[in-house]
N, C-alpha and C. Protein backbone atom coordinates (compact mmCIF):
# COMPACT_ATOMS: atom_id res chain seq x y z
N MET A 1 15.58 -136.27 161.19
CA MET A 1 15.17 -136.83 159.94
C MET A 1 13.68 -136.57 159.74
N ALA A 2 13.33 -136.04 158.61
CA ALA A 2 11.93 -135.70 158.33
C ALA A 2 11.13 -136.96 158.02
N LEU A 3 9.87 -136.93 158.43
CA LEU A 3 8.96 -138.02 158.09
C LEU A 3 8.55 -137.91 156.64
N PRO A 4 8.28 -139.03 155.98
CA PRO A 4 7.80 -138.94 154.60
C PRO A 4 6.38 -138.39 154.57
N PRO A 5 5.93 -137.90 153.43
CA PRO A 5 4.54 -137.42 153.36
C PRO A 5 3.58 -138.58 153.51
N GLU A 6 2.37 -138.26 153.96
CA GLU A 6 1.33 -139.27 154.05
C GLU A 6 1.04 -139.80 152.65
N PRO A 7 0.63 -141.07 152.52
CA PRO A 7 0.26 -141.60 151.21
C PRO A 7 -0.90 -140.81 150.61
N LEU A 8 -0.91 -140.68 149.30
CA LEU A 8 -1.94 -139.91 148.61
C LEU A 8 -3.34 -140.41 148.96
N ALA A 9 -3.55 -141.72 148.99
CA ALA A 9 -4.87 -142.27 149.32
C ALA A 9 -5.33 -141.84 150.70
N GLU A 10 -4.40 -141.76 151.65
CA GLU A 10 -4.73 -141.33 153.02
C GLU A 10 -5.12 -139.84 153.04
N LEU A 11 -4.37 -139.01 152.33
CA LEU A 11 -4.69 -137.58 152.28
C LEU A 11 -6.06 -137.36 151.63
N LEU A 12 -6.33 -138.06 150.53
CA LEU A 12 -7.62 -137.90 149.86
C LEU A 12 -8.77 -138.34 150.76
N ALA A 13 -8.58 -139.41 151.53
CA ALA A 13 -9.63 -139.87 152.43
C ALA A 13 -9.87 -138.87 153.57
N ASP A 14 -8.81 -138.22 154.04
CA ASP A 14 -8.93 -137.27 155.15
C ASP A 14 -9.47 -135.91 154.71
N ALA A 15 -9.32 -135.57 153.44
CA ALA A 15 -9.68 -134.22 152.96
C ALA A 15 -11.15 -134.13 152.58
N ASP A 16 -11.78 -133.03 153.00
CA ASP A 16 -13.14 -132.71 152.55
C ASP A 16 -13.10 -132.11 151.14
N ALA A 17 -12.01 -131.41 150.84
CA ALA A 17 -11.86 -130.75 149.54
C ALA A 17 -10.38 -130.76 149.16
N VAL A 18 -10.14 -130.74 147.86
CA VAL A 18 -8.79 -130.58 147.33
C VAL A 18 -8.89 -129.48 146.28
N VAL A 19 -8.08 -128.44 146.45
CA VAL A 19 -8.13 -127.31 145.51
C VAL A 19 -6.74 -127.01 145.00
N VAL A 20 -6.67 -126.49 143.79
CA VAL A 20 -5.44 -125.91 143.27
C VAL A 20 -5.58 -124.42 143.52
N ALA A 21 -4.67 -123.87 144.31
CA ALA A 21 -4.80 -122.48 144.72
C ALA A 21 -3.44 -121.84 144.86
N GLU A 22 -3.46 -120.52 145.00
CA GLU A 22 -2.25 -119.75 145.25
C GLU A 22 -2.44 -118.94 146.52
N VAL A 23 -1.45 -118.97 147.40
CA VAL A 23 -1.50 -118.17 148.61
C VAL A 23 -1.37 -116.71 148.22
N VAL A 24 -2.33 -115.88 148.63
CA VAL A 24 -2.24 -114.46 148.32
C VAL A 24 -1.83 -113.63 149.53
N GLU A 25 -2.02 -114.18 150.73
CA GLU A 25 -1.66 -113.43 151.93
C GLU A 25 -1.51 -114.38 153.10
N VAL A 26 -0.50 -114.15 153.93
CA VAL A 26 -0.35 -114.85 155.19
C VAL A 26 -0.85 -113.90 156.26
N ILE A 27 -1.91 -114.29 156.97
CA ILE A 27 -2.54 -113.40 157.94
C ILE A 27 -1.82 -113.40 159.27
N GLU A 28 -1.35 -114.57 159.69
CA GLU A 28 -0.67 -114.70 160.98
C GLU A 28 0.35 -115.81 160.88
N GLU A 29 1.50 -115.66 161.56
CA GLU A 29 2.54 -116.67 161.52
C GLU A 29 2.90 -117.10 162.93
N GLY A 30 3.13 -118.40 163.10
CA GLY A 30 3.69 -118.92 164.33
C GLY A 30 5.21 -118.90 164.22
N ALA A 31 5.88 -119.60 165.14
CA ALA A 31 7.33 -119.68 165.09
C ALA A 31 7.75 -120.47 163.86
N PRO A 32 8.75 -119.99 163.11
CA PRO A 32 9.16 -120.72 161.90
C PRO A 32 9.91 -122.00 162.24
N PRO A 33 9.74 -123.04 161.41
CA PRO A 33 10.52 -124.26 161.59
C PRO A 33 11.94 -124.03 161.11
N PRO A 34 12.87 -124.94 161.43
CA PRO A 34 14.23 -124.78 160.90
C PRO A 34 14.21 -124.77 159.37
N SER A 35 15.00 -123.91 158.79
CA SER A 35 15.03 -123.80 157.33
C SER A 35 15.99 -124.82 156.73
N PRO A 36 15.55 -125.52 155.67
CA PRO A 36 16.48 -126.40 154.97
C PRO A 36 17.45 -125.56 154.15
N PRO A 37 18.61 -126.11 153.81
CA PRO A 37 19.54 -125.33 152.98
C PRO A 37 18.94 -125.05 151.60
N ARG A 38 19.12 -123.83 151.12
CA ARG A 38 18.62 -123.44 149.79
C ARG A 38 19.78 -123.43 148.81
N PRO A 39 19.53 -123.86 147.58
CA PRO A 39 20.60 -123.80 146.58
C PRO A 39 21.03 -122.35 146.35
N ALA A 40 22.28 -122.15 146.03
CA ALA A 40 22.79 -120.81 145.77
C ALA A 40 22.00 -120.17 144.64
N GLY A 41 21.58 -118.93 144.84
CA GLY A 41 20.85 -118.19 143.82
C GLY A 41 19.37 -118.51 143.74
N ALA A 42 18.85 -119.40 144.60
CA ALA A 42 17.42 -119.74 144.56
C ALA A 42 16.60 -118.54 145.02
N LYS A 43 15.56 -118.23 144.28
CA LYS A 43 14.69 -117.11 144.62
C LYS A 43 13.24 -117.58 144.59
N PRO A 44 12.40 -117.08 145.51
CA PRO A 44 10.99 -117.43 145.43
C PRO A 44 10.37 -116.75 144.21
N THR A 45 9.36 -117.38 143.63
CA THR A 45 8.66 -116.77 142.51
C THR A 45 7.28 -116.34 142.96
N PHE A 46 6.82 -115.24 142.43
CA PHE A 46 5.50 -114.72 142.76
C PHE A 46 4.74 -114.54 141.47
N LYS A 47 3.53 -115.06 141.43
CA LYS A 47 2.72 -114.98 140.22
C LYS A 47 1.35 -114.44 140.58
N GLY A 48 0.78 -113.60 139.74
CA GLY A 48 -0.55 -113.07 139.97
C GLY A 48 -1.61 -113.99 139.40
N ARG A 49 -2.24 -114.81 140.23
CA ARG A 49 -3.28 -115.74 139.81
C ARG A 49 -4.42 -115.66 140.81
N PRO A 50 -5.62 -116.09 140.40
CA PRO A 50 -6.73 -116.11 141.35
C PRO A 50 -6.42 -117.04 142.52
N PRO A 51 -6.95 -116.77 143.71
CA PRO A 51 -6.65 -117.61 144.87
C PRO A 51 -6.99 -119.08 144.66
N VAL A 52 -8.20 -119.43 144.20
CA VAL A 52 -8.55 -120.82 143.93
C VAL A 52 -8.78 -120.96 142.44
N GLU A 53 -7.92 -121.74 141.80
CA GLU A 53 -8.01 -121.92 140.36
C GLU A 53 -8.92 -123.08 139.97
N GLU A 54 -8.94 -124.12 140.79
CA GLU A 54 -9.67 -125.33 140.43
C GLU A 54 -9.97 -126.14 141.68
N THR A 55 -11.16 -126.73 141.74
CA THR A 55 -11.51 -127.63 142.83
C THR A 55 -11.48 -129.05 142.27
N LEU A 56 -10.64 -129.91 142.84
CA LEU A 56 -10.49 -131.28 142.37
C LEU A 56 -11.40 -132.25 143.12
N LYS A 57 -11.74 -131.92 144.35
CA LYS A 57 -12.61 -132.76 145.17
C LYS A 57 -13.42 -131.86 146.09
N GLY A 58 -14.68 -132.22 146.32
CA GLY A 58 -15.52 -131.48 147.26
C GLY A 58 -15.92 -130.12 146.74
N GLU A 59 -16.21 -129.22 147.67
CA GLU A 59 -16.61 -127.86 147.34
C GLU A 59 -15.72 -126.89 148.08
N ALA A 60 -15.45 -125.75 147.45
CA ALA A 60 -14.63 -124.72 148.07
C ALA A 60 -15.05 -123.36 147.54
N GLU A 61 -14.93 -122.37 148.37
CA GLU A 61 -15.19 -120.99 147.97
C GLU A 61 -14.09 -120.52 147.03
N ALA A 62 -14.33 -119.43 146.33
CA ALA A 62 -13.34 -118.87 145.42
C ALA A 62 -12.14 -118.32 146.18
N GLU A 63 -12.35 -117.85 147.41
CA GLU A 63 -11.28 -117.39 148.28
C GLU A 63 -11.41 -118.11 149.61
N LEU A 64 -10.31 -118.60 150.13
CA LEU A 64 -10.31 -119.37 151.36
C LEU A 64 -9.39 -118.74 152.39
N VAL A 65 -9.73 -118.92 153.66
CA VAL A 65 -8.83 -118.63 154.77
C VAL A 65 -8.69 -119.94 155.51
N VAL A 66 -7.48 -120.50 155.56
CA VAL A 66 -7.26 -121.79 156.19
C VAL A 66 -6.11 -121.72 157.18
N ASP A 67 -6.10 -122.67 158.12
CA ASP A 67 -5.00 -122.81 159.06
C ASP A 67 -4.03 -123.85 158.53
N LYS A 68 -2.75 -123.56 158.61
CA LYS A 68 -1.71 -124.50 158.22
C LYS A 68 -1.16 -125.13 159.50
N PRO A 69 -1.12 -126.46 159.57
CA PRO A 69 -0.55 -127.09 160.77
C PRO A 69 0.94 -126.81 160.87
N GLU A 70 1.48 -126.92 162.08
CA GLU A 70 2.92 -126.77 162.25
C GLU A 70 3.61 -127.83 161.41
N GLY A 71 4.61 -127.45 160.70
CA GLY A 71 5.32 -128.38 159.84
C GLY A 71 6.60 -127.79 159.33
N PRO A 72 7.38 -128.61 158.61
CA PRO A 72 8.70 -128.17 158.16
C PRO A 72 8.69 -127.30 156.90
N TYR A 73 7.61 -126.61 156.64
CA TYR A 73 7.54 -125.72 155.48
C TYR A 73 6.78 -124.46 155.87
N LEU A 74 7.05 -123.38 155.16
CA LEU A 74 6.34 -122.12 155.37
C LEU A 74 5.53 -121.80 154.13
N LEU A 75 4.46 -121.09 154.32
CA LEU A 75 3.69 -120.57 153.19
C LEU A 75 3.93 -119.08 153.10
N HIS A 76 3.97 -118.59 151.88
CA HIS A 76 4.10 -117.16 151.65
C HIS A 76 3.36 -116.84 150.37
N ALA A 77 3.08 -115.57 150.16
CA ALA A 77 2.38 -115.17 148.94
C ALA A 77 3.13 -115.70 147.73
N GLY A 78 2.38 -116.29 146.80
CA GLY A 78 2.96 -116.83 145.59
C GLY A 78 3.10 -118.34 145.59
N VAL A 79 3.00 -118.99 146.77
CA VAL A 79 3.06 -120.45 146.80
C VAL A 79 1.79 -120.98 146.16
N ARG A 80 1.95 -121.89 145.20
CA ARG A 80 0.82 -122.37 144.40
C ARG A 80 0.88 -123.87 144.25
N GLY A 81 -0.29 -124.51 144.24
CA GLY A 81 -0.36 -125.94 144.01
C GLY A 81 -1.60 -126.53 144.64
N PRO A 82 -1.69 -127.87 144.66
CA PRO A 82 -2.85 -128.54 145.26
C PRO A 82 -2.77 -128.51 146.79
N PHE A 83 -3.87 -128.12 147.41
CA PHE A 83 -3.99 -128.12 148.86
C PHE A 83 -5.09 -129.10 149.26
N PHE A 84 -4.80 -129.96 150.22
CA PHE A 84 -5.78 -130.88 150.79
C PHE A 84 -6.37 -130.18 152.01
N LEU A 85 -7.69 -130.02 152.05
CA LEU A 85 -8.34 -129.24 153.09
C LEU A 85 -9.36 -130.06 153.88
N ARG A 86 -9.45 -129.77 155.17
CA ARG A 86 -10.47 -130.37 156.03
C ARG A 86 -10.86 -129.35 157.10
N ARG A 87 -12.14 -129.05 157.15
CA ARG A 87 -12.69 -128.16 158.18
C ARG A 87 -11.85 -126.91 158.41
N GLY A 88 -11.52 -126.22 157.34
CA GLY A 88 -10.82 -124.94 157.47
C GLY A 88 -9.32 -125.04 157.71
N GLY A 89 -8.74 -126.22 157.53
CA GLY A 89 -7.31 -126.37 157.72
C GLY A 89 -6.69 -127.22 156.64
N ILE A 90 -5.39 -127.11 156.51
CA ILE A 90 -4.64 -127.89 155.53
C ILE A 90 -4.32 -129.25 156.13
N VAL A 91 -4.54 -130.31 155.36
CA VAL A 91 -4.25 -131.67 155.79
C VAL A 91 -2.88 -132.07 155.26
N GLY A 92 -2.09 -132.72 156.08
CA GLY A 92 -0.80 -133.24 155.64
C GLY A 92 0.37 -132.51 156.25
N ARG A 93 1.50 -133.19 156.27
CA ARG A 93 2.72 -132.64 156.88
C ARG A 93 3.43 -131.64 155.99
N TYR A 94 3.20 -131.71 154.67
CA TYR A 94 3.98 -130.91 153.74
C TYR A 94 3.09 -130.05 152.86
N GLY A 95 3.69 -129.16 152.13
CA GLY A 95 2.97 -128.16 151.36
C GLY A 95 2.40 -128.65 150.05
N PRO A 96 1.97 -127.71 149.21
CA PRO A 96 1.26 -128.04 147.99
C PRO A 96 2.12 -128.68 146.90
N ASP A 97 3.40 -128.87 147.16
CA ASP A 97 4.22 -129.54 146.16
C ASP A 97 4.42 -131.03 146.46
N THR A 98 3.68 -131.56 147.45
CA THR A 98 3.82 -132.97 147.83
C THR A 98 3.37 -133.89 146.70
N TYR A 99 2.21 -133.61 146.13
CA TYR A 99 1.68 -134.41 145.01
C TYR A 99 1.26 -133.48 143.88
N ARG A 100 1.56 -133.87 142.65
CA ARG A 100 1.19 -133.06 141.49
C ARG A 100 -0.30 -133.26 141.17
N ARG A 101 -0.86 -132.27 140.51
CA ARG A 101 -2.27 -132.28 140.14
C ARG A 101 -2.63 -133.55 139.40
N ALA A 102 -1.81 -133.95 138.43
CA ALA A 102 -2.09 -135.14 137.61
C ALA A 102 -2.20 -136.41 138.46
N GLU A 103 -1.34 -136.53 139.48
CA GLU A 103 -1.40 -137.69 140.37
C GLU A 103 -2.71 -137.71 141.16
N ILE A 104 -3.13 -136.55 141.60
CA ILE A 104 -4.36 -136.44 142.39
C ILE A 104 -5.57 -136.78 141.52
N VAL A 105 -5.63 -136.21 140.32
CA VAL A 105 -6.74 -136.50 139.39
C VAL A 105 -6.80 -137.98 139.10
N ALA A 106 -5.66 -138.62 138.85
CA ALA A 106 -5.64 -140.05 138.56
C ALA A 106 -6.13 -140.86 139.76
N ALA A 107 -5.74 -140.47 140.96
CA ALA A 107 -6.16 -141.19 142.16
C ALA A 107 -7.66 -141.02 142.44
N LEU A 108 -8.20 -139.87 142.05
CA LEU A 108 -9.64 -139.64 142.24
C LEU A 108 -10.48 -140.42 141.23
N GLY A 109 -9.82 -140.86 140.15
CA GLY A 109 -10.50 -141.66 139.14
C GLY A 109 -11.32 -140.83 138.24
């Protein structure tokens, strides 16, 4: 059974920066976690967007190289959304679809 995501307030407190970004390249991969079942016909989408579209908290470069902790999700080119970052790594158990941009902006006040 998967653990629930950390509360938004906890992630914001732990993060030095929060950015809306798109993964453009995976440089290195560890062992993949077990894959959840995918709906029939589901396909990944790939979109051409700048790596960092917006910084919601803290400061971030226009292009980032970060470490993703071991977790039940994989990153690949085209994955887009808010990333919580701390000292060159992603904070949290789950990927950029855990919390929507609007929720993060509201929590930041």
